[in-house]
Amino acid sequence: MRIKIVMKSENGNLQVPINYNHIIQALLLSWINDKEYREFIHNEGYKYENKNYKLFTFSKLYGLYRYNKNDQKIIFNGDVTLIVSCVEDIFMQYLINTCILSNMPIKILNQQVIIKSVSIVNEKIHQGNISFLSPCTVYSTIYNNGKKQTYYYEPIEKEFSDLIKQNLISKYKAYYGQEPSDSSFSIKLLNEKSYKKIITKYKDSYIIIAYDGCFQITGSMELIKIGYDSGLGSKNSQGFGEFKFI
């Protein structure tokens, strides 16, 4: 399920740091008023083998903005749009019920925010061309001279598609408890010169390298669907890998 949230700060100028993923993640989790479910999503998620999958993701913030280079803040002028996706409808129901129906005051970094609208996104899920609403990251842990390092794959590398496919199969098994009936999947660039590297500093503690651009996805509708709802690649619950069809 996918929803679009349109909001606006009370004074019309919402200010966020350039690396704001963790702020949006914390905001969404705070809207889940069921403590047990919130802790399950935040701390555990759905397990397969030795990995946990939260199975939700969200987009970048969209709207008219300017960048203040001095304090490295993005200042949105007017409406700000956020797209949230999750495999479980109940996750969305908590968000809608808490921030809309209960009229709970919303604050982002001590700024009063007005929720103008929340709507369900009805989009036909299919094989075809996509663009990312939040950049996609794929990585492996490697050892270099005995030291553990994180290697982030570029879209031009074969491992980029292979690891996304493996990740989708694992998410499917974690949620449904069984193999998908069709495990075929591939993702490839529409133009090898058109992708963009995005570097995000998460919580001022570590760097995440991700990529933006236009791609073509083909294969199992089961895997495409779970990728649409939970994100492609890794670190989805931190705001990576959400896509739309183009």
Protein backbone atom coordinates (compact mmCIF):
# COMPACT_ATOMS: atom_id res chain seq x y z
CA MET A 1 0.00 0.00 0.00
CA ARG A 2 1.17 3.54 -0.72
CA ILE A 3 -0.02 6.92 0.53
CA LYS A 4 0.83 10.51 -0.34
CA ILE A 5 1.03 13.01 2.50
CA VAL A 6 0.91 16.74 1.74
CA MET A 7 1.93 18.99 4.61
CA LYS A 8 2.96 22.56 5.29
CA SER A 9 4.71 24.24 8.18
CA GLU A 10 2.60 26.73 10.11
CA ASN A 11 4.78 29.64 8.97
CA GLY A 12 5.07 28.32 5.40
CA ASN A 13 8.80 27.60 5.57
CA LEU A 14 9.75 24.12 6.74
CA GLN A 15 13.46 23.87 7.55
CA VAL A 16 15.31 20.55 7.65
CA PRO A 17 19.00 19.63 7.53
CA ILE A 18 20.33 18.39 4.22
CA ASN A 19 20.53 14.87 5.68
CA TYR A 20 17.01 14.45 7.08
CA ASN A 21 16.22 10.75 6.50
CA HIS A 22 16.39 9.83 10.19
CA ILE A 23 14.03 12.69 11.07
CA ILE A 24 11.33 11.44 8.68
CA GLN A 25 11.83 7.84 9.83
CA ALA A 26 11.35 8.86 13.48
CA LEU A 27 8.27 10.93 12.57
CA LEU A 28 6.57 8.01 10.82
CA LEU A 29 7.28 5.62 13.68
CA SER A 30 5.94 8.17 16.19
CA TRP A 31 2.61 8.08 14.35
CA ILE A 32 2.18 4.38 15.23
CA ASN A 33 0.29 4.64 18.51
CA ASP A 34 0.40 0.88 19.18
CA LYS A 35 3.59 0.55 21.24
CA GLU A 36 3.97 -3.18 20.67
CA TYR A 37 3.62 -2.89 16.90
CA ARG A 38 5.87 0.18 16.79
CA GLU A 39 8.63 -1.64 18.68
CA PHE A 40 8.21 -4.68 16.43
CA ILE A 41 8.65 -2.58 13.28
CA HIS A 42 11.50 -0.51 14.72
CA ASN A 43 13.49 -3.23 16.47
CA GLU A 44 12.66 -6.49 14.72
CA GLY A 45 10.62 -6.57 11.55
CA TYR A 46 10.24 -9.76 9.55
CA LYS A 47 13.10 -12.23 9.74
CA TYR A 48 14.63 -14.47 7.14
CA GLU A 49 17.82 -16.35 8.01
CA ASN A 50 20.03 -13.81 9.83
CA LYS A 51 18.42 -10.61 8.52
CA ASN A 52 15.45 -8.48 9.54
CA TYR A 53 13.25 -6.59 7.09
CA LYS A 54 11.06 -3.64 8.16
CA LEU A 55 9.16 -3.73 4.84
CA PHE A 56 8.39 -0.03 4.59
CA THR A 57 10.05 2.88 2.86
CA PHE A 58 9.51 6.54 2.07
CA SER A 59 10.48 9.14 -0.49
CA LYS A 60 12.49 12.29 -0.34
CA LEU A 61 10.57 15.44 0.57
CA TYR A 62 9.22 17.16 -2.55
CA GLY A 63 8.30 20.81 -2.94
CA LEU A 64 9.68 24.22 -3.79
CA TYR A 65 12.80 24.84 -1.75
CA ARG A 66 16.03 26.75 -1.42
CA TYR A 67 19.30 25.59 0.06
CA ASN A 68 21.03 27.59 2.77
CA LYS A 69 24.69 26.77 2.29
CA ASN A 70 25.84 28.45 5.50
CA ASP A 71 23.95 26.16 7.87
CA GLN A 72 23.37 23.35 5.33
CA LYS A 73 19.60 23.45 5.61
CA ILE A 74 16.85 22.94 3.06
CA ILE A 75 14.00 25.43 3.39
CA PHE A 76 10.73 24.34 1.79
CA ASN A 77 8.40 27.13 0.76
CA GLY A 78 4.75 26.05 0.83
CA ASP A 79 3.46 22.51 0.41
CA VAL A 80 5.76 19.56 1.04
CA THR A 81 4.94 16.07 -0.28
CA LEU A 82 6.03 12.75 1.22
CA ILE A 83 5.25 9.32 -0.25
CA VAL A 84 5.17 6.33 2.13
CA SER A 85 4.93 2.67 1.14
CA CYS A 86 4.55 -0.50 3.20
CA VAL A 87 3.73 -4.15 2.59
CA GLU A 88 1.26 -4.09 5.50
CA ASP A 89 -1.91 -2.00 5.25
CA ILE A 90 -2.09 -1.80 9.05
CA PHE A 91 1.09 0.30 9.06
CA MET A 92 -0.65 2.87 6.86
CA GLN A 93 -3.83 2.73 8.91
CA TYR A 94 -1.87 3.74 12.01
CA LEU A 95 -0.34 6.67 10.13
CA ILE A 96 -3.68 7.86 8.76
CA ASN A 97 -5.60 7.38 12.02
CA THR A 98 -3.01 9.08 14.19
CA CYS A 99 -2.01 12.09 12.12
CA ILE A 100 -5.38 12.78 10.49
CA LEU A 101 -8.34 11.36 12.36
CA SER A 102 -7.05 12.11 15.85
CA ASN A 103 -5.97 15.67 14.91
CA MET A 104 -2.71 15.06 16.75
CA PRO A 105 -0.37 18.09 16.54
CA ILE A 106 2.55 17.36 14.25
CA LYS A 107 6.00 18.77 14.82
CA ILE A 108 9.18 18.44 12.78
CA LEU A 109 12.23 19.78 14.62
CA ASN A 110 9.97 21.91 16.84
CA GLN A 111 8.18 23.36 13.81
CA GLN A 112 4.41 23.09 13.85
CA VAL A 113 3.26 21.25 10.74
CA ILE A 114 -0.23 21.12 9.24
CA ILE A 115 -1.27 17.94 7.42
CA LYS A 116 -3.21 19.22 4.40
CA SER A 117 -4.14 15.87 2.87
CA VAL A 118 -3.49 12.15 2.89
CA SER A 119 -4.46 10.08 -0.13
CA ILE A 120 -3.99 6.51 -1.28
CA VAL A 121 -1.80 6.20 -4.37
CA ASN A 122 -3.43 3.92 -6.92
CA GLU A 123 -0.77 2.93 -9.40
CA LYS A 124 -0.78 -0.07 -11.71
CA ILE A 125 2.10 -2.35 -10.78
CA HIS A 126 3.77 -3.87 -13.81
CA GLN A 127 7.03 -4.58 -15.59
CA GLY A 128 8.42 -1.44 -17.17
CA ASN A 129 10.33 1.77 -16.65
CA ILE A 130 10.77 3.32 -13.21
CA SER A 131 12.40 6.29 -11.54
CA PHE A 132 13.38 6.47 -7.89
CA LEU A 133 11.53 8.65 -5.38
CA SER A 134 14.38 8.00 -2.97
CA PRO A 135 17.80 6.77 -4.13
CA CYS A 136 18.61 3.06 -4.18
CA THR A 137 21.53 1.54 -2.28
CA VAL A 138 23.06 -1.91 -2.69
CA TYR A 139 26.18 -3.03 -0.83
CA SER A 140 28.31 -5.88 0.45
CA THR A 141 30.63 -6.15 3.43
CA ILE A 142 34.14 -6.99 2.26
CA TYR A 143 37.53 -7.39 3.91
CA ASN A 144 40.52 -5.37 2.71
CA ASN A 145 43.85 -6.14 4.38
CA GLY A 146 41.96 -7.69 7.28
CA LYS A 147 39.72 -4.63 7.74
CA LYS A 148 35.96 -4.78 7.28
CA GLN A 149 34.62 -2.33 4.70
CA THR A 150 31.28 -1.58 3.05
CA TYR A 151 31.33 -1.64 -0.73
CA TYR A 152 28.45 0.12 -2.49
CA TYR A 153 27.67 -1.14 -5.98
CA GLU A 154 27.00 1.17 -8.90
CA PRO A 155 24.08 0.47 -11.26
CA ILE A 156 26.51 -0.42 -14.07
CA GLU A 157 27.85 -3.35 -12.03
CA LYS A 158 26.22 -6.76 -12.45
CA GLU A 159 25.97 -7.20 -8.68
CA PHE A 160 23.58 -4.23 -8.46
CA SER A 161 20.78 -6.17 -10.17
CA ASP A 162 21.74 -9.55 -8.67
CA LEU A 163 21.71 -8.29 -5.09
CA ILE A 164 18.41 -6.43 -5.51
CA LYS A 165 16.88 -9.66 -6.80
CA GLN A 166 18.25 -11.70 -3.88
CA ASN A 167 17.02 -9.05 -1.46
CA LEU A 168 13.49 -9.15 -2.91
CA ILE A 169 13.36 -12.94 -2.66
CA SER A 170 14.47 -12.74 0.99
CA LYS A 171 11.82 -10.09 1.76
CA TYR A 172 9.17 -12.26 0.16
CA LYS A 173 10.22 -15.28 2.21
CA ALA A 174 10.41 -13.20 5.40
CA TYR A 175 6.86 -11.88 5.00
CA TYR A 176 5.02 -14.78 3.35
CA GLY A 177 7.04 -17.65 4.79
CA GLN A 178 7.45 -19.33 1.42
CA GLU A 179 9.25 -19.10 -1.91
CA PRO A 180 7.74 -16.86 -4.62
CA SER A 181 6.19 -18.91 -7.41
CA ASP A 182 8.37 -16.97 -9.87
CA SER A 183 11.77 -15.70 -8.74
CA SER A 184 12.88 -13.98 -11.95
CA PHE A 185 13.87 -10.32 -11.70
CA SER A 186 16.26 -7.85 -13.28
CA ILE A 187 16.83 -4.12 -13.16
CA LYS A 188 18.89 -2.22 -15.70
CA LEU A 189 19.65 1.38 -16.54
CA LEU A 190 17.77 2.99 -19.37
CA ASN A 191 20.82 5.17 -20.01
CA GLU A 192 24.18 4.26 -18.50
CA LYS A 193 25.23 7.91 -18.47
CA SER A 194 22.15 9.27 -16.72
CA TYR A 195 22.36 7.91 -13.17
CA LYS A 196 23.35 10.09 -10.24
CA LYS A 197 25.36 9.27 -7.12
CA ILE A 198 23.78 10.43 -3.84
CA ILE A 199 25.84 10.54 -0.63
CA THR A 200 23.86 10.69 2.62
CA LYS A 201 25.29 11.09 6.11
CA TYR A 202 22.90 9.16 8.34
CA LYS A 203 22.50 10.51 11.89
CA ASP A 204 25.93 12.14 11.50
CA SER A 205 27.45 8.72 12.16
CA TYR A 206 28.00 6.93 8.85
CA ILE A 207 27.84 7.44 5.11
CA ILE A 208 25.34 5.75 2.76
CA ILE A 209 26.03 5.82 -0.98
CA ALA A 210 22.97 5.42 -3.20
CA TYR A 211 21.98 6.04 -6.79
CA ASP A 212 19.18 7.86 -8.56
CA GLY A 213 18.06 7.53 -12.16
CA CYS A 214 15.71 5.85 -14.62
CA PHE A 215 15.67 2.05 -14.89
CA GLN A 216 13.74 -0.82 -16.42
CA ILE A 217 12.51 -3.65 -14.22
CA THR A 218 11.31 -7.02 -15.50
CA GLY A 219 10.41 -10.35 -13.96
CA SER A 220 8.13 -11.79 -11.32
CA MET A 221 5.10 -9.68 -10.42
CA GLU A 222 5.35 -11.05 -6.88
CA LEU A 223 8.84 -9.58 -6.51
CA ILE A 224 7.99 -6.32 -8.28
CA LYS A 225 4.99 -5.89 -5.96
CA ILE A 226 6.96 -6.42 -2.76
CA GLY A 227 9.66 -4.11 -4.11
CA TYR A 228 7.04 -1.45 -4.84
CA ASP A 229 5.62 -1.72 -1.32
CA SER A 230 8.86 -2.07 0.65
CA GLY A 231 11.54 -0.56 -1.61
CA LEU A 232 14.33 -1.90 -3.80
CA GLY A 233 17.77 -2.60 -2.40
CA SER A 234 18.81 -2.06 1.21
CA LYS A 235 18.11 0.42 4.02
CA ASN A 236 14.52 0.96 2.86
CA SER A 237 13.18 1.95 6.28
CA GLN A 238 15.83 4.68 6.36
CA GLY A 239 14.37 6.23 3.23
CA PHE A 240 15.99 4.42 0.32
CA GLY A 241 14.72 2.50 -2.70
CA GLU A 242 11.18 3.79 -3.22
CA PHE A 243 10.26 4.02 -6.91
CA LYS A 244 7.41 4.97 -9.23
CA PHE A 245 6.49 3.82 -12.71
CA ILE A 246 7.13 6.19 -15.61
